[in-house]
Amino acid sequence: MQVSIEVSLYPLNENFIPIIDEFISGLKKYDNIEVKTNSMSTQLFGEFDDLMIILKTEIAKNFKKEINSVLNLKIVNGDSRKYD
């Protein structure tokens, strides 16, 4: 099942940009998903099961490294790119 996920990471750290960049770089390592970024969030497109495994892995890396982070997810059942 194809899904679209919007991810917004808010590290509670004065030096937040490198933390966000590292998180996005981790997501871009996977060939089986598409990653698009803008100034407010990152959009992920792919199979539901693949995305959940990838997000679990990458979120865990961030949470282990950064003590205080907030993460918002919006999950759309389907491919939201068709609404662009």
PDB file of N, CA and C in Angstrom:
ATOM      1  N   MET A   1       0.850  -1.173   0.000  1.00  0.00           N
ATOM      2  CA  MET A   1       0.000   0.000   0.000  1.00  0.00           C
ATOM      3  C   MET A   1       0.897   1.239   0.000  1.00  0.00           C
ATOM      4  N   GLN A   2       0.686   2.102  -0.970  1.00  0.00           N
ATOM      5  CA  GLN A   2       1.436   3.348  -1.078  1.00  0.00           C
ATOM      6  C   GLN A   2       0.919   4.376  -0.079  1.00  0.00           C
ATOM      7  N   VAL A   3       1.852   5.062   0.591  1.00  0.00           N
ATOM      8  CA  VAL A   3       1.488   6.141   1.505  1.00  0.00           C
ATOM      9  C   VAL A   3       2.423   7.325   1.282  1.00  0.00           C
ATOM     10  N   SER A   4       1.991   8.455   1.804  1.00  0.00           N
ATOM     11  CA  SER A   4       2.792   9.668   1.822  1.00  0.00           C
ATOM     12  C   SER A   4       2.887  10.103   3.279  1.00  0.00           C
ATOM     13  N   ILE A   5       4.081  10.468   3.698  1.00  0.00           N
ATOM     14  CA  ILE A   5       4.287  10.871   5.088  1.00  0.00           C
ATOM     15  C   ILE A   5       5.013  12.209   5.110  1.00  0.00           C
ATOM     16  N   GLU A   6       4.462  13.146   5.869  1.00  0.00           N
ATOM     17  CA  GLU A   6       5.128  14.422   6.095  1.00  0.00           C
ATOM     18  C   GLU A   6       5.761  14.371   7.474  1.00  0.00           C
ATOM     19  N   VAL A   7       7.051  14.667   7.542  1.00  0.00           N
ATOM     20  CA  VAL A   7       7.807  14.603   8.787  1.00  0.00           C
ATOM     21  C   VAL A   7       8.361  15.991   9.095  1.00  0.00           C
ATOM     22  N   SER A   8       8.166  16.430  10.321  1.00  0.00           N
ATOM     23  CA  SER A   8       8.783  17.667  10.803  1.00  0.00           C
ATOM     24  C   SER A   8       9.517  17.350  12.092  1.00  0.00           C
ATOM     25  N   LEU A   9      10.817  17.619  12.093  1.00  0.00           N
ATOM     26  CA  LEU A   9      11.659  17.373  13.259  1.00  0.00           C
ATOM     27  C   LEU A   9      12.027  18.709  13.885  1.00  0.00           C
ATOM     28  N   TYR A  10      11.823  18.807  15.187  1.00  0.00           N
ATOM     29  CA  TYR A  10      12.141  20.010  15.936  1.00  0.00           C
ATOM     30  C   TYR A  10      13.096  19.672  17.081  1.00  0.00           C
ATOM     31  N   PRO A  11      14.399  19.684  16.825  1.00  0.00           N
ATOM     32  CA  PRO A  11      15.346  19.452  17.911  1.00  0.00           C
ATOM     33  C   PRO A  11      15.307  20.649  18.867  1.00  0.00           C
ATOM     34  N   LEU A  12      15.217  20.384  20.131  1.00  0.00           N
ATOM     35  CA  LEU A  12      15.189  21.447  21.124  1.00  0.00           C
ATOM     36  C   LEU A  12      16.634  21.757  21.517  1.00  0.00           C
ATOM     37  N   ASN A  13      17.325  22.356  20.547  1.00  0.00           N
ATOM     38  CA  ASN A  13      18.748  22.603  20.649  1.00  0.00           C
ATOM     39  C   ASN A  13      19.036  23.877  19.854  1.00  0.00           C
ATOM     40  N   GLU A  14      19.868  24.750  20.379  1.00  0.00           N
ATOM     41  CA  GLU A  14      20.190  25.995  19.674  1.00  0.00           C
ATOM     42  C   GLU A  14      20.820  25.738  18.313  1.00  0.00           C
ATOM     43  N   ASN A  15      21.574  24.688  18.194  1.00  0.00           N
ATOM     44  CA  ASN A  15      22.245  24.336  16.946  1.00  0.00           C
ATOM     45  C   ASN A  15      21.448  23.240  16.237  1.00  0.00           C
ATOM     46  N   PHE A  16      20.233  23.570  15.811  1.00  0.00           N
ATOM     47  CA  PHE A  16      19.282  22.564  15.325  1.00  0.00           C
ATOM     48  C   PHE A  16      19.450  22.177  13.862  1.00  0.00           C
ATOM     49  N   ILE A  17      19.997  23.047  13.029  1.00  0.00           N
ATOM     50  CA  ILE A  17      20.054  22.768  11.590  1.00  0.00           C
ATOM     51  C   ILE A  17      20.892  21.531  11.273  1.00  0.00           C
ATOM     52  N   PRO A  18      22.098  21.365  11.825  1.00  0.00           N
ATOM     53  CA  PRO A  18      22.859  20.137  11.530  1.00  0.00           C
ATOM     54  C   PRO A  18      22.125  18.858  11.969  1.00  0.00           C
ATOM     55  N   ILE A  19      21.352  18.943  13.020  1.00  0.00           N
ATOM     56  CA  ILE A  19      20.602  17.775  13.503  1.00  0.00           C
ATOM     57  C   ILE A  19      19.530  17.382  12.494  1.00  0.00           C
ATOM     58  N   ILE A  20      18.828  18.386  11.982  1.00  0.00           N
ATOM     59  CA  ILE A  20      17.797  18.134  10.967  1.00  0.00           C
ATOM     60  C   ILE A  20      18.441  17.610   9.688  1.00  0.00           C
ATOM     61  N   ASP A  21      19.535  18.235   9.261  1.00  0.00           N
ATOM     62  CA  ASP A  21      20.236  17.783   8.049  1.00  0.00           C
ATOM     63  C   ASP A  21      20.694  16.332   8.164  1.00  0.00           C
ATOM     64  N   GLU A  22      21.181  15.952   9.336  1.00  0.00           N
ATOM     65  CA  GLU A  22      21.621  14.566   9.548  1.00  0.00           C
ATOM     66  C   GLU A  22      20.445  13.594   9.460  1.00  0.00           C
ATOM     67  N   PHE A  23      19.303  13.989  10.023  1.00  0.00           N
ATOM     68  CA  PHE A  23      18.101  13.147   9.952  1.00  0.00           C
ATOM     69  C   PHE A  23      17.657  12.954   8.501  1.00  0.00           C
ATOM     70  N   ILE A  24      17.618  14.042   7.740  1.00  0.00           N
ATOM     71  CA  ILE A  24      17.208  13.958   6.330  1.00  0.00           C
ATOM     72  C   ILE A  24      18.209  13.129   5.526  1.00  0.00           C
ATOM     73  N   SER A  25      19.491  13.318   5.780  1.00  0.00           N
ATOM     74  CA  SER A  25      20.518  12.520   5.080  1.00  0.00           C
ATOM     75  C   SER A  25      20.332  11.028   5.339  1.00  0.00           C
ATOM     76  N   GLY A  26      19.973  10.693   6.566  1.00  0.00           N
ATOM     77  CA  GLY A  26      19.704   9.289   6.889  1.00  0.00           C
ATOM     78  C   GLY A  26      18.546   8.735   6.086  1.00  0.00           C
ATOM     79  N   LEU A  27      17.505   9.536   5.910  1.00  0.00           N
ATOM     80  CA  LEU A  27      16.349   9.094   5.125  1.00  0.00           C
ATOM     81  C   LEU A  27      16.699   8.926   3.647  1.00  0.00           C
ATOM     82  N   LYS A  28      17.563   9.784   3.146  1.00  0.00           N
ATOM     83  CA  LYS A  28      17.922   9.752   1.713  1.00  0.00           C
ATOM     84  C   LYS A  28      18.796   8.565   1.343  1.00  0.00           C
ATOM     85  N   LYS A  29      19.301   7.831   2.321  1.00  0.00           N
ATOM     86  CA  LYS A  29      20.146   6.669   2.038  1.00  0.00           C
ATOM     87  C   LYS A  29      19.362   5.488   1.481  1.00  0.00           C
ATOM     88  N   TYR A  30      18.046   5.506   1.644  1.00  0.00           N
ATOM     89  CA  TYR A  30      17.221   4.363   1.241  1.00  0.00           C
ATOM     90  C   TYR A  30      16.737   4.536  -0.196  1.00  0.00           C
ATOM     91  N   ASP A  31      17.004   3.519  -1.013  1.00  0.00           N
ATOM     92  CA  ASP A  31      16.633   3.578  -2.432  1.00  0.00           C
ATOM     93  C   ASP A  31      15.162   3.286  -2.690  1.00  0.00           C
ATOM     94  N   ASN A  32      14.486   2.676  -1.729  1.00  0.00           N
ATOM     95  CA  ASN A  32      13.112   2.231  -1.972  1.00  0.00           C
ATOM     96  C   ASN A  32      12.059   3.263  -1.572  1.00  0.00           C
ATOM     97  N   ILE A  33      12.481   4.487  -1.213  1.00  0.00           N
ATOM     98  CA  ILE A  33      11.526   5.554  -0.914  1.00  0.00           C
ATOM     99  C   ILE A  33      11.963   6.820  -1.639  1.00  0.00           C
ATOM    100  N   GLU A  34      11.020   7.740  -1.813  1.00  0.00           N
ATOM    101  CA  GLU A  34      11.348   9.054  -2.357  1.00  0.00           C
ATOM    102  C   GLU A  34      11.287  10.064  -1.219  1.00  0.00           C
ATOM    103  N   VAL A  35      12.277  10.944  -1.172  1.00  0.00           N
ATOM    104  CA  VAL A  35      12.355  11.968  -0.134  1.00  0.00           C
ATOM    105  C   VAL A  35      12.364  13.336  -0.805  1.00  0.00           C
ATOM    106  N   LYS A  36      11.418  14.188  -0.420  1.00  0.00           N
ATOM    107  CA  LYS A  36      11.370  15.572  -0.897  1.00  0.00           C
ATOM    108  C   LYS A  36      11.413  16.481   0.320  1.00  0.00           C
ATOM    109  N   THR A  37      12.146  17.584   0.209  1.00  0.00           N
ATOM    110  CA  THR A  37      12.235  18.511   1.333  1.00  0.00           C
ATOM    111  C   THR A  37      11.795  19.908   0.909  1.00  0.00           C
ATOM    112  N   ASN A  38      11.338  20.659   1.892  1.00  0.00           N
ATOM    113  CA  ASN A  38      11.091  22.090   1.717  1.00  0.00           C
ATOM    114  C   ASN A  38      11.477  22.770   3.024  1.00  0.00           C
ATOM    115  N   SER A  39      11.190  24.042   3.158  1.00  0.00           N
ATOM    116  CA  SER A  39      11.642  24.773   4.347  1.00  0.00           C
ATOM    117  C   SER A  39      10.884  24.401   5.616  1.00  0.00           C
ATOM    118  N   MET A  40       9.755  23.723   5.491  1.00  0.00           N
ATOM    119  CA  MET A  40       8.934  23.406   6.661  1.00  0.00           C
ATOM    120  C   MET A  40       8.931  21.936   7.057  1.00  0.00           C
ATOM    121  N   SER A  41       9.130  21.041   6.087  1.00  0.00           N
ATOM    122  CA  SER A  41       9.002  19.617   6.398  1.00  0.00           C
ATOM    123  C   SER A  41       9.698  18.775   5.337  1.00  0.00           C
ATOM    124  N   THR A  42       9.673  17.483   5.574  1.00  0.00           N
ATOM    125  CA  THR A  42      10.192  16.505   4.626  1.00  0.00           C
ATOM    126  C   THR A  42       9.046  15.567   4.268  1.00  0.00           C
ATOM    127  N   GLN A  43       8.883  15.309   2.978  1.00  0.00           N
ATOM    128  CA  GLN A  43       7.843  14.388   2.525  1.00  0.00           C
ATOM    129  C   GLN A  43       8.488  13.088   2.071  1.00  0.00           C
ATOM    130  N   LEU A  44       7.870  11.995   2.486  1.00  0.00           N
ATOM    131  CA  LEU A  44       8.341  10.663   2.136  1.00  0.00           C
ATOM    132  C   LEU A  44       7.243   9.946   1.364  1.00  0.00           C
ATOM    133  N   PHE A  45       7.647   9.205   0.344  1.00  0.00           N
ATOM    134  CA  PHE A  45       6.692   8.470  -0.486  1.00  0.00           C
ATOM    135  C   PHE A  45       7.202   7.055  -0.693  1.00  0.00           C
ATOM    136  N   GLY A  46       6.300   6.093  -0.529  1.00  0.00           N
ATOM    137  CA  GLY A  46       6.687   4.706  -0.730  1.00  0.00           C
ATOM    138  C   GLY A  46       5.692   3.750  -0.114  1.00  0.00           C
ATOM    139  N   GLU A  47       6.130   2.506   0.009  1.00  0.00           N
ATOM    140  CA  GLU A  47       5.291   1.468   0.602  1.00  0.00           C
ATOM    141  C   GLU A  47       5.209   1.664   2.115  1.00  0.00           C
ATOM    142  N   PHE A  48       4.027   1.486   2.660  1.00  0.00           N
ATOM    143  CA  PHE A  48       3.780   1.694   4.088  1.00  0.00           C
ATOM    144  C   PHE A  48       4.768   0.935   4.966  1.00  0.00           C
ATOM    145  N   ASP A  49       4.909  -0.371   4.732  1.00  0.00           N
ATOM    146  CA  ASP A  49       5.790  -1.184   5.579  1.00  0.00           C
ATOM    147  C   ASP A  49       7.237  -0.709   5.498  1.00  0.00           C
ATOM    148  N   ASP A  50       7.700  -0.386   4.290  1.00  0.00           N
ATOM    149  CA  ASP A  50       9.068   0.105   4.128  1.00  0.00           C
ATOM    150  C   ASP A  50       9.273   1.408   4.902  1.00  0.00           C
ATOM    151  N   LEU A  51       8.346   2.331   4.743  1.00  0.00           N
ATOM    152  CA  LEU A  51       8.475   3.626   5.410  1.00  0.00           C
ATOM    153  C   LEU A  51       8.445   3.496   6.932  1.00  0.00           C
ATOM    154  N   MET A  52       7.605   2.625   7.451  1.00  0.00           N
ATOM    155  CA  MET A  52       7.537   2.460   8.905  1.00  0.00           C
ATOM    156  C   MET A  52       8.848   1.891   9.468  1.00  0.00           C
ATOM    157  N   ILE A  53       9.436   0.945   8.763  1.00  0.00           N
ATOM    158  CA  ILE A  53      10.718   0.372   9.201  1.00  0.00           C
ATOM    159  C   ILE A  53      11.811   1.443   9.146  1.00  0.00           C
ATOM    160  N   ILE A  54      11.853   2.182   8.051  1.00  0.00           N
ATOM    161  CA  ILE A  54      12.859   3.234   7.886  1.00  0.00           C
ATOM    162  C   ILE A  54      12.689   4.315   8.947  1.00  0.00           C
ATOM    163  N   LEU A  55      11.464   4.769   9.149  1.00  0.00           N
ATOM    164  CA  LEU A  55      11.231   5.805  10.153  1.00  0.00           C
ATOM    165  C   LEU A  55      11.591   5.327  11.552  1.00  0.00           C
ATOM    166  N   LYS A  56      11.233   4.105  11.871  1.00  0.00           N
ATOM    167  CA  LYS A  56      11.584   3.565  13.191  1.00  0.00           C
ATOM    168  C   LYS A  56      13.096   3.599  13.393  1.00  0.00           C
ATOM    169  N   THR A  57      13.833   3.195  12.396  1.00  0.00           N
ATOM    170  CA  THR A  57      15.297   3.173  12.468  1.00  0.00           C
ATOM    171  C   THR A  57      15.869   4.574  12.616  1.00  0.00           C
ATOM    172  N   GLU A  58      15.447   5.485  11.753  1.00  0.00           N
ATOM    173  CA  GLU A  58      16.020   6.825  11.736  1.00  0.00           C
ATOM    174  C   GLU A  58      15.572   7.666  12.934  1.00  0.00           C
ATOM    175  N   ILE A  59      14.351   7.489  13.380  1.00  0.00           N
ATOM    176  CA  ILE A  59      13.888   8.209  14.575  1.00  0.00           C
ATOM    177  C   ILE A  59      14.655   7.718  15.799  1.00  0.00           C
ATOM    178  N   ALA A  60      14.854   6.417  15.901  1.00  0.00           N
ATOM    179  CA  ALA A  60      15.601   5.871  17.033  1.00  0.00           C
ATOM    180  C   ALA A  60      17.021   6.433  17.069  1.00  0.00           C
ATOM    181  N   LYS A  61      17.673   6.531  15.906  1.00  0.00           N
ATOM    182  CA  LYS A  61      19.014   7.116  15.853  1.00  0.00           C
ATOM    183  C   LYS A  61      19.001   8.541  16.395  1.00  0.00           C
ATOM    184  N   ASN A  62      18.029   9.317  15.957  1.00  0.00           N
ATOM    185  CA  ASN A  62      17.931  10.708  16.403  1.00  0.00           C
ATOM    186  C   ASN A  62      17.649  10.799  17.889  1.00  0.00           C
ATOM    187  N   PHE A  63      16.700  10.027  18.369  1.00  0.00           N
ATOM    188  CA  PHE A  63      16.311  10.099  19.779  1.00  0.00           C
ATOM    189  C   PHE A  63      17.435   9.631  20.708  1.00  0.00           C
ATOM    190  N   LYS A  64      18.251   8.686  20.245  1.00  0.00           N
ATOM    191  CA  LYS A  64      19.374   8.232  21.066  1.00  0.00           C
ATOM    192  C   LYS A  64      20.467   9.298  21.145  1.00  0.00           C
ATOM    193  N   LYS A  65      20.608  10.047  20.063  1.00  0.00           N
ATOM    194  CA  LYS A  65      21.654  11.061  19.997  1.00  0.00           C
ATOM    195  C   LYS A  65      21.208  12.392  20.604  1.00  0.00           C
ATOM    196  N   GLU A  66      19.974  12.766  20.358  1.00  0.00           N
ATOM    197  CA  GLU A  66      19.427  14.046  20.818  1.00  0.00           C
ATOM    198  C   GLU A  66      18.407  13.779  21.921  1.00  0.00           C
ATOM    199  N   ILE A  67      18.689  14.261  23.109  1.00  0.00           N
ATOM    200  CA  ILE A  67      17.817  13.994  24.256  1.00  0.00           C
ATOM    201  C   ILE A  67      16.445  14.640  24.080  1.00  0.00           C
ATOM    202  N   ASN A  68      16.415  15.860  23.567  1.00  0.00           N
ATOM    203  CA  ASN A  68      15.147  16.592  23.461  1.00  0.00           C
ATOM    204  C   ASN A  68      14.829  16.921  22.015  1.00  0.00           C
ATOM    205  N   SER A  69      13.956  16.149  21.421  1.00  0.00           N
ATOM    206  CA  SER A  69      13.477  16.392  20.065  1.00  0.00           C
ATOM    207  C   SER A  69      11.979  16.163  20.014  1.00  0.00           C
ATOM    208  N   VAL A  70      11.329  16.931  19.171  1.00  0.00           N
ATOM    209  CA  VAL A  70       9.907  16.742  18.904  1.00  0.00           C
ATOM    210  C   VAL A  70       9.784  16.345  17.441  1.00  0.00           C
ATOM    211  N   LEU A  71       8.923  15.380  17.160  1.00  0.00           N
ATOM    212  CA  LEU A  71       8.736  14.893  15.796  1.00  0.00           C
ATOM    213  C   LEU A  71       7.246  14.835  15.493  1.00  0.00           C
ATOM    214  N   ASN A  72       6.848  15.473  14.393  1.00  0.00           N
ATOM    215  CA  ASN A  72       5.457  15.400  13.925  1.00  0.00           C
ATOM    216  C   ASN A  72       5.403  14.562  12.664  1.00  0.00           C
ATOM    217  N   LEU A  73       4.411  13.680  12.585  1.00  0.00           N
ATOM    218  CA  LEU A  73       4.174  12.878  11.385  1.00  0.00           C
ATOM    219  C   LEU A  73       2.735  13.066  10.926  1.00  0.00           C
ATOM    220  N   LYS A  74       2.566  13.216   9.620  1.00  0.00           N
ATOM    221  CA  LYS A  74       1.242  13.169   9.007  1.00  0.00           C
ATOM    222  C   LYS A  74       1.306  12.069   7.962  1.00  0.00           C
ATOM    223  N   ILE A  75       0.395  11.122   8.045  1.00  0.00           N
ATOM    224  CA  ILE A  75       0.409   9.983   7.132  1.00  0.00           C
ATOM    225  C   ILE A  75      -0.851  10.021   6.283  1.00  0.00           C
ATOM    226  N   VAL A  76      -0.653   9.999   4.976  1.00  0.00           N
ATOM    227  CA  VAL A  76      -1.755   9.985   4.010  1.00  0.00           C
ATOM    228  C   VAL A  76      -1.810   8.599   3.387  1.00  0.00           C
ATOM    229  N   ASN A  77      -2.985   8.004   3.387  1.00  0.00           N
ATOM    230  CA  ASN A  77      -3.183   6.713   2.747  1.00  0.00           C
ATOM    231  C   ASN A  77      -3.301   6.948   1.251  1.00  0.00           C
ATOM    232  N   GLY A  78      -2.175   6.833   0.559  1.00  0.00           N
ATOM    233  CA  GLY A  78      -2.148   7.069  -0.871  1.00  0.00           C
ATOM    234  C   GLY A  78      -0.979   7.973  -1.225  1.00  0.00           C
ATOM    235  N   ASP A  79      -0.914   8.346  -2.491  1.00  0.00           N
ATOM    236  CA  ASP A  79       0.169   9.162  -3.007  1.00  0.00           C
ATOM    237  C   ASP A  79      -0.303  10.614  -3.114  1.00  0.00           C
ATOM    238  N   SER A  80       0.127  11.451  -2.194  1.00  0.00           N
ATOM    239  CA  SER A  80      -0.325  12.836  -2.193  1.00  0.00           C
ATOM    240  C   SER A  80       0.331  13.682  -3.285  1.00  0.00           C
ATOM    241  N   ARG A  81       1.330  13.144  -3.983  1.00  0.00           N
ATOM    242  CA  ARG A  81       1.967  13.894  -5.085  1.00  0.00           C
ATOM    243  C   ARG A  81       0.978  14.216  -6.191  1.00  0.00           C
ATOM    244  N   LYS A  82      -0.064  13.440  -6.329  1.00  0.00           N
ATOM    245  CA  LYS A  82      -1.024  13.706  -7.407  1.00  0.00           C
ATOM    246  C   LYS A  82      -1.840  14.967  -7.169  1.00  0.00           C
ATOM    247  N   TYR A  83      -1.753  15.544  -5.954  1.00  0.00           N
ATOM    248  CA  TYR A  83      -2.481  16.764  -5.637  1.00  0.00           C
ATOM    249  C   TYR A  83      -1.639  18.008  -5.798  1.00  0.00           C
ATOM    250  N   ASP A  84      -0.356  17.845  -6.181  1.00  0.00           N
ATOM    251  CA  ASP A  84       0.541  19.005  -6.355  1.00  0.00           C
ATOM    252  C   ASP A  84       0.093  19.869  -7.511  1.00  0.00           C
TER     253      ASP A  84
END
